[in-house]
């Protein structure tokens, strides 16, 4: 049930975004993400794309996709997104002892694998989709758009 809703949501978002004028990666500036979140989203997107064995050249397009998508969310949903990003960074510091940005690639990959495993387990137990899985879907949807 939730999977169908998520797929429909991403299809709608993709359709809506495809109707807009595209910006190139070089002239795009974040509109929603702040100066601390943008590099973190960039690093996490890069690591997720690398795990999915997709070209990392898509990351600027993905960052733009995430930023413009979240910009269209309601105020509450935007707040939840910011909380989710902060939580991922806080957990990275807990598990690795340092910021996600300061982790080596192998540490980032291990942390993301742990996040995914825990998120899937949590979703099965609670029926509520964890932020990490939503974020990963956004990254992959942005990659598919690129």
N, C-alpha and C. Protein backbone atom coordinates (compact mmCIF):
# COMPACT_ATOMS: atom_id res chain seq x y z
N UNK A 1 0.82 -1.19 0.00
CA UNK A 1 0.00 0.00 0.00
C UNK A 1 0.87 1.26 0.00
N UNK A 2 1.83 1.30 0.95
CA UNK A 2 2.70 2.46 1.02
C UNK A 2 3.60 2.56 -0.22
N UNK A 3 4.00 1.41 -0.70
CA UNK A 3 4.87 1.39 -1.88
C UNK A 3 4.15 1.99 -3.08
N UNK A 4 2.88 1.63 -3.25
CA UNK A 4 2.10 2.19 -4.37
C UNK A 4 1.97 3.69 -4.24
N UNK A 5 1.70 4.15 -3.03
CA UNK A 5 1.58 5.60 -2.80
C UNK A 5 2.89 6.31 -3.09
N UNK A 6 4.01 5.71 -2.65
CA UNK A 6 5.32 6.31 -2.89
C UNK A 6 5.63 6.37 -4.38
N UNK A 7 5.32 5.29 -5.09
CA UNK A 7 5.57 5.26 -6.53
C UNK A 7 4.73 6.32 -7.24
N UNK A 8 3.46 6.42 -6.88
CA UNK A 8 2.60 7.44 -7.48
C UNK A 8 3.09 8.84 -7.17
N UNK A 9 3.54 9.05 -5.92
CA UNK A 9 4.07 10.36 -5.54
C UNK A 9 5.28 10.72 -6.38
N UNK A 10 6.22 9.78 -6.54
CA UNK A 10 7.42 10.08 -7.32
C UNK A 10 7.12 10.24 -8.80
N UNK A 11 6.16 9.49 -9.31
CA UNK A 11 5.76 9.68 -10.70
C UNK A 11 5.17 11.07 -10.90
N UNK A 12 4.32 11.48 -9.96
CA UNK A 12 3.72 12.81 -10.04
C UNK A 12 4.78 13.89 -9.94
N UNK A 13 5.70 13.74 -8.99
CA UNK A 13 6.78 14.72 -8.82
C UNK A 13 7.64 14.79 -10.08
N UNK A 14 7.97 13.61 -10.63
CA UNK A 14 8.77 13.58 -11.85
C UNK A 14 8.06 14.26 -13.01
N UNK A 15 6.76 14.00 -13.15
CA UNK A 15 5.98 14.62 -14.20
C UNK A 15 5.93 16.14 -14.00
N UNK A 16 5.70 16.54 -12.77
CA UNK A 16 5.62 17.97 -12.47
C UNK A 16 6.95 18.66 -12.76
N UNK A 17 8.05 18.03 -12.32
CA UNK A 17 9.37 18.62 -12.53
C UNK A 17 9.77 18.63 -14.00
N UNK A 18 9.29 17.66 -14.77
CA UNK A 18 9.66 17.61 -16.19
C UNK A 18 9.02 18.75 -16.97
N UNK A 19 8.00 19.35 -16.42
CA UNK A 19 7.33 20.47 -17.08
C UNK A 19 8.07 21.78 -16.86
N UNK A 20 9.06 21.80 -16.02
CA UNK A 20 9.79 23.02 -15.71
C UNK A 20 11.02 23.15 -16.59
N UNK A 21 11.52 24.37 -16.68
CA UNK A 21 12.74 24.63 -17.42
C UNK A 21 13.92 24.09 -16.63
N UNK A 22 14.74 23.31 -17.27
CA UNK A 22 15.88 22.71 -16.59
C UNK A 22 17.00 23.73 -16.43
N UNK A 23 17.70 23.62 -15.32
CA UNK A 23 18.89 24.43 -15.10
C UNK A 23 20.09 23.51 -15.18
N UNK A 24 21.21 24.05 -15.58
CA UNK A 24 22.41 23.22 -15.64
C UNK A 24 23.01 23.12 -14.25
N UNK A 25 23.84 22.13 -14.05
CA UNK A 25 24.46 21.91 -12.75
C UNK A 25 25.34 23.08 -12.34
N UNK A 26 25.93 23.77 -13.31
CA UNK A 26 26.85 24.84 -12.97
C UNK A 26 26.16 26.12 -12.54
N UNK A 27 24.94 26.38 -13.01
CA UNK A 27 24.27 27.62 -12.62
C UNK A 27 23.23 27.43 -11.53
N UNK A 28 23.08 26.23 -11.02
CA UNK A 28 22.09 25.96 -9.99
C UNK A 28 22.63 26.29 -8.61
N UNK A 29 21.81 26.98 -7.82
CA UNK A 29 22.12 27.28 -6.42
C UNK A 29 20.97 26.74 -5.57
N UNK A 30 21.26 26.10 -4.44
CA UNK A 30 20.19 25.57 -3.60
C UNK A 30 19.20 26.66 -3.17
N UNK A 31 17.94 26.32 -3.21
CA UNK A 31 16.90 27.25 -2.78
C UNK A 31 16.34 26.85 -1.42
N UNK A 32 16.28 25.57 -1.13
CA UNK A 32 15.75 25.10 0.15
C UNK A 32 16.87 24.70 1.11
N UNK A 33 17.81 23.91 0.63
CA UNK A 33 18.88 23.42 1.48
C UNK A 33 19.80 24.56 1.90
N UNK A 34 20.21 24.55 3.16
CA UNK A 34 21.12 25.61 3.62
C UNK A 34 22.57 25.20 3.36
N UNK A 35 23.50 26.08 3.72
CA UNK A 35 24.91 25.86 3.40
C UNK A 35 25.51 24.65 4.12
N UNK A 36 24.89 24.21 5.22
CA UNK A 36 25.36 23.02 5.91
C UNK A 36 24.73 21.75 5.34
N UNK A 37 23.47 21.85 4.93
CA UNK A 37 22.76 20.67 4.43
C UNK A 37 23.14 20.33 3.00
N UNK A 38 23.37 21.32 2.16
CA UNK A 38 23.66 21.06 0.74
C UNK A 38 24.87 20.14 0.55
N UNK A 39 26.01 20.41 1.22
CA UNK A 39 27.14 19.48 1.04
C UNK A 39 26.87 18.08 1.60
N UNK A 40 26.09 18.00 2.68
CA UNK A 40 25.75 16.70 3.25
C UNK A 40 24.86 15.90 2.30
N UNK A 41 23.84 16.56 1.75
CA UNK A 41 22.98 15.90 0.77
C UNK A 41 23.80 15.47 -0.44
N UNK A 42 24.72 16.32 -0.87
CA UNK A 42 25.59 16.01 -2.00
C UNK A 42 26.43 14.76 -1.71
N UNK A 43 27.04 14.71 -0.53
CA UNK A 43 27.89 13.56 -0.18
C UNK A 43 27.07 12.28 -0.05
N UNK A 44 25.90 12.38 0.57
CA UNK A 44 25.06 11.19 0.72
C UNK A 44 24.53 10.71 -0.63
N UNK A 45 24.14 11.65 -1.47
CA UNK A 45 23.66 11.28 -2.80
C UNK A 45 24.78 10.61 -3.60
N UNK A 46 25.98 11.14 -3.50
CA UNK A 46 27.13 10.56 -4.19
C UNK A 46 27.37 9.12 -3.73
N UNK A 47 27.30 8.90 -2.42
CA UNK A 47 27.53 7.56 -1.88
C UNK A 47 26.40 6.60 -2.27
N UNK A 48 25.16 7.07 -2.25
CA UNK A 48 24.02 6.21 -2.63
C UNK A 48 24.11 5.86 -4.11
N UNK A 49 24.46 6.84 -4.94
CA UNK A 49 24.59 6.60 -6.38
C UNK A 49 25.72 5.61 -6.65
N UNK A 50 26.81 5.74 -5.92
CA UNK A 50 27.93 4.80 -6.09
C UNK A 50 27.50 3.38 -5.71
N UNK A 51 26.71 3.24 -4.63
CA UNK A 51 26.22 1.92 -4.24
C UNK A 51 25.30 1.34 -5.31
N UNK A 52 24.52 2.21 -5.94
CA UNK A 52 23.57 1.75 -6.97
C UNK A 52 24.26 1.55 -8.32
N UNK A 53 25.57 1.81 -8.35
CA UNK A 53 26.38 1.65 -9.56
C UNK A 53 25.84 2.48 -10.71
N UNK A 54 25.49 3.72 -10.39
CA UNK A 54 25.05 4.68 -11.40
C UNK A 54 26.14 5.74 -11.53
N UNK A 55 26.19 6.44 -12.65
CA UNK A 55 27.25 7.44 -12.83
C UNK A 55 27.12 8.60 -11.85
N UNK A 56 28.23 8.95 -11.18
CA UNK A 56 28.20 10.03 -10.19
C UNK A 56 28.07 11.41 -10.84
N UNK A 57 28.17 11.47 -12.16
CA UNK A 57 27.95 12.76 -12.84
C UNK A 57 26.50 13.23 -12.65
N UNK A 58 25.63 12.32 -12.26
CA UNK A 58 24.21 12.65 -12.05
C UNK A 58 23.98 13.41 -10.74
N UNK A 59 24.96 13.43 -9.84
CA UNK A 59 24.75 14.00 -8.52
C UNK A 59 24.28 15.46 -8.56
N UNK A 60 24.85 16.35 -9.38
CA UNK A 60 24.32 17.72 -9.41
C UNK A 60 22.85 17.78 -9.83
N UNK A 61 22.45 16.93 -10.74
CA UNK A 61 21.05 16.87 -11.17
C UNK A 61 20.19 16.36 -10.02
N UNK A 62 20.70 15.38 -9.30
CA UNK A 62 19.98 14.81 -8.15
C UNK A 62 19.81 15.86 -7.06
N UNK A 63 20.87 16.59 -6.76
CA UNK A 63 20.79 17.63 -5.73
C UNK A 63 19.75 18.67 -6.11
N UNK A 64 19.73 19.07 -7.37
CA UNK A 64 18.74 20.03 -7.85
C UNK A 64 17.35 19.45 -7.71
N UNK A 65 17.18 18.19 -8.09
CA UNK A 65 15.88 17.51 -7.99
C UNK A 65 15.39 17.50 -6.54
N UNK A 66 16.25 17.10 -5.61
CA UNK A 66 15.87 17.03 -4.20
C UNK A 66 15.52 18.42 -3.68
N UNK A 67 16.37 19.39 -3.97
CA UNK A 67 16.15 20.75 -3.48
C UNK A 67 14.83 21.33 -3.99
N UNK A 68 14.58 21.21 -5.28
CA UNK A 68 13.35 21.78 -5.85
C UNK A 68 12.11 20.98 -5.44
N UNK A 69 12.26 19.67 -5.23
CA UNK A 69 11.13 18.85 -4.79
C UNK A 69 10.73 19.23 -3.37
N UNK A 70 11.71 19.31 -2.48
CA UNK A 70 11.41 19.63 -1.08
C UNK A 70 10.89 21.06 -0.96
N UNK A 71 11.32 21.93 -1.85
CA UNK A 71 10.84 23.31 -1.85
C UNK A 71 9.33 23.36 -2.07
N UNK A 72 8.78 22.36 -2.74
CA UNK A 72 7.34 22.30 -3.03
C UNK A 72 6.54 21.63 -1.92
N UNK A 73 7.22 21.06 -0.94
CA UNK A 73 6.55 20.41 0.18
C UNK A 73 5.83 21.46 1.04
N UNK A 74 4.91 20.98 1.86
CA UNK A 74 4.28 21.87 2.84
C UNK A 74 5.32 22.22 3.90
N UNK A 75 5.01 23.21 4.70
CA UNK A 75 5.94 23.63 5.75
C UNK A 75 6.29 22.51 6.71
N UNK A 76 5.30 21.71 7.07
CA UNK A 76 5.52 20.58 7.97
C UNK A 76 6.44 19.56 7.32
N UNK A 77 6.20 19.24 6.07
CA UNK A 77 7.02 18.25 5.36
C UNK A 77 8.45 18.75 5.20
N UNK A 78 8.61 20.06 4.97
CA UNK A 78 9.96 20.63 4.87
C UNK A 78 10.68 20.51 6.21
N UNK A 79 9.96 20.76 7.28
CA UNK A 79 10.55 20.64 8.62
C UNK A 79 10.97 19.19 8.87
N UNK A 80 10.13 18.24 8.48
CA UNK A 80 10.46 16.83 8.65
C UNK A 80 11.69 16.45 7.84
N UNK A 81 11.82 17.02 6.63
CA UNK A 81 12.99 16.74 5.80
C UNK A 81 14.25 17.25 6.49
N UNK A 82 14.21 18.48 6.99
CA UNK A 82 15.38 19.04 7.67
C UNK A 82 15.73 18.22 8.90
N UNK A 83 14.72 17.79 9.65
CA UNK A 83 14.97 16.95 10.82
C UNK A 83 15.60 15.62 10.40
N UNK A 84 15.13 15.06 9.29
CA UNK A 84 15.68 13.80 8.80
C UNK A 84 17.15 13.92 8.42
N UNK A 85 17.50 14.99 7.73
CA UNK A 85 18.90 15.22 7.35
C UNK A 85 19.76 15.38 8.60
N UNK A 86 19.27 16.15 9.57
CA UNK A 86 20.02 16.34 10.82
C UNK A 86 20.19 15.02 11.57
N UNK A 87 19.14 14.20 11.57
CA UNK A 87 19.22 12.91 12.25
C UNK A 87 20.24 12.00 11.58
N UNK A 88 20.25 11.98 10.24
CA UNK A 88 21.23 11.15 9.54
C UNK A 88 22.66 11.58 9.89
N UNK A 89 22.89 12.88 9.96
CA UNK A 89 24.22 13.38 10.30
C UNK A 89 24.56 13.04 11.75
N UNK A 90 23.60 13.19 12.65
CA UNK A 90 23.82 12.87 14.07
C UNK A 90 24.15 11.39 14.24
N UNK A 91 23.43 10.54 13.53
CA UNK A 91 23.69 9.10 13.59
C UNK A 91 25.04 8.75 12.98
N UNK A 92 25.42 9.44 11.92
CA UNK A 92 26.74 9.20 11.32
C UNK A 92 27.84 9.51 12.35
N UNK A 93 27.66 10.61 13.06
CA UNK A 93 28.65 10.97 14.09
C UNK A 93 28.68 9.92 15.20
N UNK A 94 27.52 9.39 15.56
CA UNK A 94 27.45 8.38 16.60
C UNK A 94 28.14 7.09 16.16
N UNK A 95 27.85 6.63 14.95
CA UNK A 95 28.37 5.34 14.48
C UNK A 95 29.83 5.41 14.05
N UNK A 96 30.24 6.54 13.48
CA UNK A 96 31.61 6.63 12.96
C UNK A 96 32.53 7.50 13.79
N UNK A 97 31.97 8.32 14.66
CA UNK A 97 32.77 9.22 15.46
C UNK A 97 33.12 10.52 14.76
N UNK A 98 32.57 10.70 13.55
CA UNK A 98 32.84 11.94 12.82
C UNK A 98 31.69 12.25 11.87
N UNK A 99 31.75 13.43 11.32
CA UNK A 99 30.73 13.86 10.37
C UNK A 99 30.75 12.97 9.13
N UNK A 100 29.58 12.79 8.52
CA UNK A 100 29.51 12.00 7.29
C UNK A 100 30.48 12.55 6.25
N UNK A 101 30.59 13.88 6.18
CA UNK A 101 31.48 14.52 5.21
C UNK A 101 32.94 14.19 5.47
N UNK A 102 33.29 13.93 6.73
CA UNK A 102 34.69 13.63 7.08
C UNK A 102 35.02 12.14 6.98
N UNK A 103 34.02 11.32 6.75
CA UNK A 103 34.24 9.88 6.63
C UNK A 103 34.89 9.53 5.30
N UNK A 104 35.68 8.48 5.31
CA UNK A 104 36.22 7.95 4.06
C UNK A 104 35.09 7.26 3.32
N UNK A 105 35.28 7.03 2.04
CA UNK A 105 34.23 6.43 1.20
C UNK A 105 33.76 5.09 1.77
N UNK A 106 34.70 4.28 2.21
CA UNK A 106 34.33 2.97 2.77
C UNK A 106 33.47 3.12 4.02
N UNK A 107 33.79 4.11 4.86
CA UNK A 107 32.99 4.37 6.06
C UNK A 107 31.59 4.87 5.69
N UNK A 108 31.53 5.73 4.68
CA UNK A 108 30.22 6.23 4.22
C UNK A 108 29.36 5.08 3.72
N UNK A 109 29.95 4.19 2.93
CA UNK A 109 29.22 3.06 2.38
C UNK A 109 28.71 2.14 3.50
N UNK A 110 29.57 1.87 4.46
CA UNK A 110 29.19 1.00 5.58
C UNK A 110 28.06 1.65 6.38
N UNK A 111 28.16 2.95 6.63
CA UNK A 111 27.12 3.66 7.38
C UNK A 111 25.79 3.61 6.62
N UNK A 112 25.81 3.84 5.31
CA UNK A 112 24.58 3.82 4.52
C UNK A 112 23.96 2.42 4.49
N UNK A 113 24.79 1.40 4.42
CA UNK A 113 24.28 0.03 4.46
C UNK A 113 23.60 -0.25 5.80
N UNK A 114 24.22 0.22 6.87
CA UNK A 114 23.63 0.06 8.20
C UNK A 114 22.30 0.82 8.29
N UNK A 115 22.28 2.04 7.77
CA UNK A 115 21.05 2.84 7.77
C UNK A 115 19.93 2.12 7.02
N UNK A 116 20.26 1.60 5.86
CA UNK A 116 19.25 0.92 5.05
C UNK A 116 18.71 -0.32 5.76
N UNK A 117 19.60 -1.09 6.32
CA UNK A 117 19.19 -2.30 7.03
C UNK A 117 18.28 -1.96 8.22
N UNK A 118 18.69 -0.98 9.01
CA UNK A 118 17.88 -0.57 10.16
C UNK A 118 16.56 0.04 9.73
N UNK A 119 16.56 0.81 8.65
CA UNK A 119 15.34 1.44 8.17
C UNK A 119 14.33 0.39 7.69
N UNK A 120 14.82 -0.61 6.98
CA UNK A 120 13.92 -1.68 6.51
C UNK A 120 13.34 -2.47 7.68
N UNK A 121 14.17 -2.75 8.67
CA UNK A 121 13.68 -3.45 9.86
C UNK A 121 12.64 -2.61 10.60
N UNK A 122 12.91 -1.34 10.73
CA UNK A 122 11.98 -0.43 11.41
C UNK A 122 10.65 -0.35 10.67
N UNK A 123 10.73 -0.29 9.35
CA UNK A 123 9.51 -0.20 8.54
C UNK A 123 8.65 -1.45 8.72
N UNK A 124 9.31 -2.61 8.77
CA UNK A 124 8.57 -3.87 8.98
C UNK A 124 7.90 -3.89 10.35
N UNK A 125 8.63 -3.41 11.36
CA UNK A 125 8.10 -3.44 12.73
C UNK A 125 6.97 -2.43 12.94
N UNK A 126 7.16 -1.22 12.42
CA UNK A 126 6.22 -0.14 12.75
C UNK A 126 5.20 0.15 11.65
N UNK A 127 5.54 -0.21 10.42
CA UNK A 127 4.66 0.13 9.30
C UNK A 127 4.84 1.58 8.85
N UNK A 128 5.75 2.30 9.48
CA UNK A 128 6.02 3.69 9.13
C UNK A 128 7.36 3.77 8.40
N UNK A 129 7.35 4.43 7.27
CA UNK A 129 8.55 4.49 6.44
C UNK A 129 9.57 5.46 7.03
N UNK A 130 10.78 4.98 7.35
CA UNK A 130 11.83 5.85 7.88
C UNK A 130 12.33 6.85 6.83
N UNK A 131 12.83 7.97 7.33
CA UNK A 131 13.31 9.04 6.45
C UNK A 131 14.37 8.54 5.49
N UNK A 132 15.29 7.71 5.94
CA UNK A 132 16.39 7.28 5.07
C UNK A 132 15.88 6.65 3.78
N UNK A 133 14.85 5.81 3.89
CA UNK A 133 14.33 5.15 2.69
C UNK A 133 13.69 6.16 1.74
N UNK A 134 13.01 7.15 2.29
CA UNK A 134 12.43 8.21 1.47
C UNK A 134 13.54 9.01 0.78
N UNK A 135 14.58 9.33 1.53
CA UNK A 135 15.71 10.07 0.97
C UNK A 135 16.38 9.27 -0.16
N UNK A 136 16.59 7.99 0.07
CA UNK A 136 17.23 7.15 -0.95
C UNK A 136 16.36 7.09 -2.21
N UNK A 137 15.05 6.99 -2.03
CA UNK A 137 14.14 6.98 -3.18
C UNK A 137 14.22 8.30 -3.95
N UNK A 138 14.35 9.40 -3.22
CA UNK A 138 14.49 10.69 -3.89
C UNK A 138 15.77 10.74 -4.72
N UNK A 139 16.85 10.22 -4.15
CA UNK A 139 18.13 10.20 -4.86
C UNK A 139 18.00 9.37 -6.13
N UNK A 140 17.41 8.20 -6.03
CA UNK A 140 17.27 7.33 -7.20
C UNK A 140 16.28 7.90 -8.21
N UNK A 141 15.23 8.58 -7.73
CA UNK A 141 14.29 9.23 -8.65
C UNK A 141 14.99 10.37 -9.39
N UNK A 142 15.84 11.11 -8.68
CA UNK A 142 16.61 12.17 -9.33
C UNK A 142 17.59 11.62 -10.35
N UNK A 143 18.16 10.46 -10.05
CA UNK A 143 19.09 9.81 -10.99
C UNK A 143 18.33 9.35 -12.23
N UNK A 144 17.12 8.85 -12.04
CA UNK A 144 16.32 8.39 -13.18
C UNK A 144 15.91 9.57 -14.04
N UNK A 145 15.72 10.71 -13.43
CA UNK A 145 15.35 11.92 -14.18
C UNK A 145 16.53 12.41 -15.02
N UNK A 146 17.74 12.25 -14.45
CA UNK A 146 18.94 12.72 -15.15
C UNK A 146 19.23 11.86 -16.30
